[in-house]
């Protein structure tokens, strides 16, 4: 009985269990950096949302990698296209981000927060597919753009404080 349970819970194909866990937790950490900045600015999609978007994207990537290596697939009949993964995640996150964007009183609000969710999805895909360098650089660059660039814009007078409080 225990052998059956262990066999069922063990990966049939794809990355090793330790690698999968590392990628899922890594995505949560890196997307948490983006979400933390959004949380500090009290935006609608903050820490938890960005982490969940990244974890979900990583999970989809890991599932795709596992399916691509499944020995049960008859390669002459079934064609697996990993690019569809990117398209599906992009479309799903675009749908979520669209719910964040609001047009009110002649102004658009929520674009930056929506873009941060899209970035978290990209980071999650990169981690899930094993492209750690891309994920780390994207998270660091995203944080710089979200936090430090806002401060620079304010100090240069490009945007005033009231504009940076509205998620333009």
Protein backbone atom coordinates (compact mmCIF):
# COMPACT_ATOMS: atom_id res chain seq x y z
CA UNK A 1 0.00 0.00 0.00
CA UNK A 2 2.73 2.52 0.95
CA UNK A 3 4.59 1.76 -2.27
CA UNK A 4 1.46 2.64 -4.23
CA UNK A 5 1.07 5.94 -2.37
CA UNK A 6 4.76 6.83 -2.80
CA UNK A 7 4.59 5.93 -6.51
CA UNK A 8 1.48 8.09 -6.95
CA UNK A 9 3.09 11.09 -5.23
CA UNK A 10 6.39 10.77 -7.07
CA UNK A 11 6.94 12.63 -10.32
CA UNK A 12 6.39 10.45 -13.38
CA UNK A 13 8.60 12.64 -15.53
CA UNK A 14 10.05 16.12 -15.62
CA UNK A 15 12.36 17.72 -13.08
CA UNK A 16 13.27 15.99 -9.83
CA UNK A 17 11.05 16.67 -6.81
CA UNK A 18 13.74 18.75 -5.08
CA UNK A 19 14.16 20.87 -8.23
CA UNK A 20 10.41 21.37 -8.47
CA UNK A 21 10.21 22.48 -4.83
CA UNK A 22 13.17 24.81 -5.27
CA UNK A 23 11.56 26.38 -8.34
CA UNK A 24 8.17 26.85 -6.69
CA UNK A 25 9.64 28.43 -3.55
CA UNK A 26 12.13 30.43 -5.65
CA UNK A 27 9.31 31.91 -7.70
CA UNK A 28 7.43 32.80 -4.52
CA UNK A 29 10.51 34.59 -3.17
CA UNK A 30 11.35 36.50 -6.36
CA UNK A 31 7.75 37.50 -7.05
CA UNK A 32 7.46 38.42 -3.39
CA UNK A 33 10.04 41.14 -4.02
CA UNK A 34 7.75 42.69 -6.64
CA UNK A 35 4.67 42.17 -4.48
CA UNK A 36 6.36 43.65 -1.42
CA UNK A 37 6.98 46.91 -3.25
CA UNK A 38 3.33 47.00 -4.37
CA UNK A 39 2.23 46.23 -0.80
CA UNK A 40 4.32 49.11 0.58
CA UNK A 41 2.54 51.43 -1.85
CA UNK A 42 -0.84 49.96 -0.75
CA UNK A 43 -1.79 48.82 -4.23
CA UNK A 44 -4.63 46.40 -4.89
CA UNK A 45 -2.39 43.59 -6.10
CA UNK A 46 0.34 43.28 -3.51
CA UNK A 47 2.49 40.63 -1.92
CA UNK A 48 0.12 37.66 -1.99
CA UNK A 49 -1.22 38.33 -5.47
CA UNK A 50 2.19 38.65 -7.09
CA UNK A 51 3.48 35.59 -5.24
CA UNK A 52 0.47 33.54 -6.34
CA UNK A 53 0.84 34.66 -9.96
CA UNK A 54 4.49 33.61 -9.91
CA UNK A 55 3.82 30.28 -8.21
CA UNK A 56 1.01 29.49 -10.65
CA UNK A 57 3.20 30.35 -13.64
CA UNK A 58 5.95 28.13 -12.26
CA UNK A 59 3.49 25.30 -11.68
CA UNK A 60 2.25 25.56 -15.28
CA UNK A 61 5.84 25.49 -16.53
CA UNK A 62 6.66 22.43 -14.42
CA UNK A 63 3.53 20.64 -15.62
CA UNK A 64 4.48 21.42 -19.22
CA UNK A 65 8.02 20.11 -18.71
CA UNK A 66 6.64 16.97 -17.12
CA UNK A 67 4.13 16.36 -19.91
CA UNK A 68 6.81 16.87 -22.55
CA UNK A 69 8.87 14.05 -21.00
CA UNK A 70 6.02 11.62 -20.35
CA UNK A 71 6.92 8.21 -21.74
CA UNK A 72 3.25 7.54 -22.51
CA UNK A 73 3.11 10.17 -25.22
CA UNK A 74 3.18 8.77 -28.71
CA UNK A 75 5.40 11.34 -30.39
CA UNK A 76 3.96 10.48 -33.81
CA UNK A 77 0.42 11.33 -32.70
CA UNK A 78 0.78 13.94 -29.94
CA UNK A 79 2.72 17.13 -30.53
CA UNK A 80 3.65 19.22 -27.51
CA UNK A 81 4.27 22.91 -28.11
CA UNK A 82 5.86 24.60 -25.06
CA UNK A 83 5.25 28.06 -26.57
CA UNK A 84 1.55 27.54 -25.87
CA UNK A 85 2.45 27.63 -22.17
CA UNK A 86 3.76 31.17 -22.51
CA UNK A 87 0.67 32.20 -24.46
CA UNK A 88 -1.71 30.65 -21.93
CA UNK A 89 -0.01 32.23 -18.92
CA UNK A 90 0.20 35.59 -20.67
CA UNK A 91 -3.51 35.51 -21.55
CA UNK A 92 -4.52 34.44 -18.06
CA UNK A 93 -2.52 37.15 -16.35
CA UNK A 94 -3.71 39.74 -18.86
CA UNK A 95 -7.26 38.87 -17.83
CA UNK A 96 -6.38 39.31 -14.15
CA UNK A 97 -4.46 42.53 -14.76
CA UNK A 98 -7.32 43.97 -16.80
CA UNK A 99 -9.46 43.73 -13.69
CA UNK A 100 -6.97 45.96 -11.86
CA UNK A 101 -6.99 48.74 -14.46
CA UNK A 102 -9.69 51.33 -13.87
CA UNK A 103 -10.64 54.40 -15.91
CA UNK A 104 -12.04 57.04 -13.59
CA UNK A 105 -12.50 60.80 -13.91
CA UNK A 106 -10.47 60.95 -17.11
CA UNK A 107 -7.50 59.05 -15.64
CA UNK A 108 -6.31 55.48 -15.91
CA UNK A 109 -5.39 53.81 -12.61
CA UNK A 110 -3.75 50.45 -11.96
CA UNK A 111 -1.54 50.08 -15.03
CA UNK A 112 1.66 49.72 -13.05
CA UNK A 113 0.10 47.18 -10.70
CA UNK A 114 -1.22 45.23 -13.68
CA UNK A 115 2.21 45.32 -15.26
CA UNK A 116 3.76 44.07 -12.01
CA UNK A 117 1.45 41.04 -12.16
CA UNK A 118 2.56 40.42 -15.74
CA UNK A 119 6.19 40.67 -14.62
CA UNK A 120 5.54 38.18 -11.82
CA UNK A 121 4.11 35.76 -14.38
CA UNK A 122 7.25 36.15 -16.49
CA UNK A 123 9.46 35.58 -13.47
CA UNK A 124 7.43 32.50 -12.56
CA UNK A 125 7.75 31.08 -16.07
CA UNK A 126 11.49 31.73 -16.11
CA UNK A 127 11.98 30.00 -12.77
CA UNK A 128 9.68 27.13 -13.72
CA UNK A 129 11.64 26.51 -16.90
CA UNK A 130 14.96 26.76 -15.05
CA UNK A 131 16.07 30.16 -16.34
CA UNK A 132 17.15 31.45 -12.95
CA UNK A 133 19.42 34.21 -14.26
CA UNK A 134 16.57 35.74 -16.27
CA UNK A 135 14.24 35.49 -13.27
CA UNK A 136 16.66 37.10 -10.81
CA UNK A 137 17.58 39.94 -13.18
CA UNK A 138 13.90 40.53 -14.04
CA UNK A 139 12.94 40.68 -10.35
CA UNK A 140 15.79 43.04 -9.50
CA UNK A 141 15.13 45.26 -12.50
CA UNK A 142 11.40 45.26 -11.77
CA UNK A 143 12.02 46.36 -8.21
CA UNK A 144 14.33 49.13 -9.40
CA UNK A 145 11.74 50.35 -11.91
CA UNK A 146 8.88 50.22 -9.40
CA UNK A 147 10.63 51.73 -6.40
CA UNK A 148 13.73 53.65 -7.32
CA UNK A 149 12.50 55.07 -10.62
CA UNK A 150 9.45 56.52 -8.86
CA UNK A 151 11.74 58.27 -6.37
CA UNK A 152 13.90 59.60 -9.21
CA UNK A 153 10.85 60.91 -11.10
CA UNK A 154 9.64 62.69 -7.98
CA UNK A 155 13.03 64.20 -7.17
CA UNK A 156 13.46 65.45 -10.75
CA UNK A 157 9.99 66.98 -10.71
CA UNK A 158 8.75 64.77 -13.55
CA UNK A 159 5.96 63.57 -11.28
CA UNK A 160 4.72 65.12 -8.08
CA UNK A 161 3.85 63.16 -4.94
CA UNK A 162 0.12 63.14 -5.73
CA UNK A 163 0.77 61.52 -9.12
CA UNK A 164 2.95 58.81 -7.60
CA UNK A 165 0.21 58.01 -5.09
CA UNK A 166 -2.15 57.28 -8.00
CA UNK A 167 -0.96 54.09 -9.68
CA UNK A 168 -0.53 55.61 -13.14
